[in-house]
Amino acid sequence: MATQTFQVTYEDGTSGEFKVKPRHLIAYEDEVGGNLEDAQSVRDAFKLAWIASGSALHFDEWIETVDSIETTGSAPAAEVAVDGGPAETVPTESPSPA
């Protein structure tokens, strides 16, 4: 699973960087009644940012305080066993040729 981080800038000029953790994914599924693979809307992505932010505000209140949201992330990764040993996380995408 890819690591995703949201950079949120608020209307008051403050900002925060929020890494999506497994508990945030579970909370997202509980909140929207589906999983990220089914997410199709900007609202879905912003809901995940809200959950990752840990805000005590209701989503609709929180989004009113947001000026911008950017996402960053790494290549998707998979855990595989190497030579019968413990699982290791490895990228599932090859680097682009130069």
Protein backbone atom coordinates (compact mmCIF):
# COMPACT_ATOMS: atom_id res chain seq x y z
CA MET A 1 0.00 0.00 0.00
CA ALA A 2 1.31 3.44 -0.87
CA THR A 3 2.10 5.91 1.84
CA GLN A 4 0.05 9.07 1.45
CA THR A 5 0.56 12.42 3.15
CA PHE A 6 -1.66 15.48 3.02
CA GLN A 7 -0.26 19.00 3.24
CA VAL A 8 -3.17 21.13 4.49
CA THR A 9 -3.02 24.93 4.49
CA TYR A 10 -5.69 26.70 6.49
CA GLU A 11 -7.27 30.07 5.77
CA ASP A 12 -5.48 31.60 8.77
CA GLY A 13 -2.11 30.82 7.12
CA THR A 14 -1.18 27.86 9.33
CA SER A 15 -0.48 24.49 7.79
CA GLY A 16 0.02 20.89 8.76
CA GLU A 17 1.33 17.71 7.21
CA PHE A 18 -0.68 14.59 7.99
CA LYS A 19 0.47 11.06 7.18
CA VAL A 20 -2.28 8.54 6.52
CA LYS A 21 -1.89 5.60 8.87
CA PRO A 22 -3.76 2.28 8.97
CA ARG A 23 -6.11 3.57 11.68
CA HIS A 24 -7.08 6.46 9.38
CA LEU A 25 -8.00 4.02 6.60
CA ILE A 26 -10.25 2.08 8.97
CA ALA A 27 -11.87 5.32 10.20
CA TYR A 28 -12.39 6.38 6.57
CA GLU A 29 -14.15 3.10 5.77
CA ASP A 30 -16.34 3.50 8.86
CA GLU A 31 -17.16 7.12 7.93
CA VAL A 32 -18.07 6.62 4.27
CA GLY A 33 -19.16 3.00 4.25
CA GLY A 34 -16.67 2.01 1.55
CA ASN A 35 -12.99 1.72 0.88
CA LEU A 36 -10.47 3.97 -0.86
CA GLU A 37 -10.48 1.86 -4.00
CA ASP A 38 -14.14 2.89 -4.45
CA ALA A 39 -13.42 6.58 -3.79
CA GLN A 40 -14.15 8.70 -6.83
CA SER A 41 -14.74 12.21 -5.56
CA VAL A 42 -12.71 15.12 -4.25
CA ARG A 43 -14.90 14.97 -1.15
CA ASP A 44 -13.67 11.42 -0.49
CA ALA A 45 -10.02 12.52 -0.66
CA PHE A 46 -10.71 15.53 1.55
CA LYS A 47 -12.50 13.30 4.08
CA LEU A 48 -9.37 11.18 4.34
CA ALA A 49 -7.28 14.33 4.89
CA TRP A 50 -9.75 15.42 7.61
CA ILE A 51 -9.51 12.05 9.33
CA ALA A 52 -5.69 12.07 9.14
CA SER A 53 -5.62 15.61 10.59
CA GLY A 54 -7.28 14.40 13.78
CA SER A 55 -9.46 17.51 13.89
CA ALA A 56 -12.16 17.66 16.55
CA LEU A 57 -14.33 19.68 14.14
CA HIS A 58 -17.08 18.02 12.11
CA PHE A 59 -15.97 17.55 8.48
CA ASP A 60 -18.19 20.35 7.13
CA GLU A 61 -16.84 22.76 9.76
CA TRP A 62 -13.23 21.70 9.15
CA ILE A 63 -13.40 22.06 5.36
CA GLU A 64 -14.60 25.67 5.81
CA THR A 65 -11.24 26.43 7.50
CA VAL A 66 -9.15 24.89 4.69
CA ASP A 67 -7.49 27.01 2.00
CA SER A 68 -5.76 24.18 0.10
CA ILE A 69 -4.94 20.48 0.29
CA GLU A 70 -2.07 18.81 -1.54
CA THR A 71 -1.16 15.14 -1.53
CA THR A 72 2.19 13.48 -1.67
CA GLY A 73 2.96 9.81 -1.68
CA SER A 74 5.40 7.12 -2.56
CA ALA A 75 5.14 4.37 -5.13
CA PRO A 76 2.82 1.54 -4.13
CA ALA A 77 4.63 -1.12 -2.19
CA ALA A 78 4.04 -4.78 -1.57
CA GLU A 79 5.32 -7.07 1.11
CA VAL A 80 7.06 -10.13 -0.26
CA ALA A 81 9.09 -12.91 1.27
CA VAL A 82 12.67 -12.89 0.03
CA ASP A 83 14.43 -16.26 -0.16
CA GLY A 84 12.02 -17.78 2.34
CA GLY A 85 12.90 -15.13 4.93
CA PRO A 86 10.70 -12.49 6.54
CA ALA A 87 8.55 -10.25 4.36
CA GLU A 88 10.16 -7.06 3.10
CA THR A 89 8.47 -4.02 1.59
CA VAL A 90 9.51 -3.45 -1.99
CA PRO A 91 8.28 -0.95 -4.62
CA THR A 92 5.85 -2.36 -7.14
CA GLU A 93 6.73 0.21 -9.81
CA SER A 94 10.00 0.39 -11.69
CA PRO A 95 11.86 3.70 -11.81
CA SER A 96 11.37 5.63 -15.04
CA PRO A 97 14.27 5.35 -17.49
CA ALA A 98 16.44 8.48 -17.71
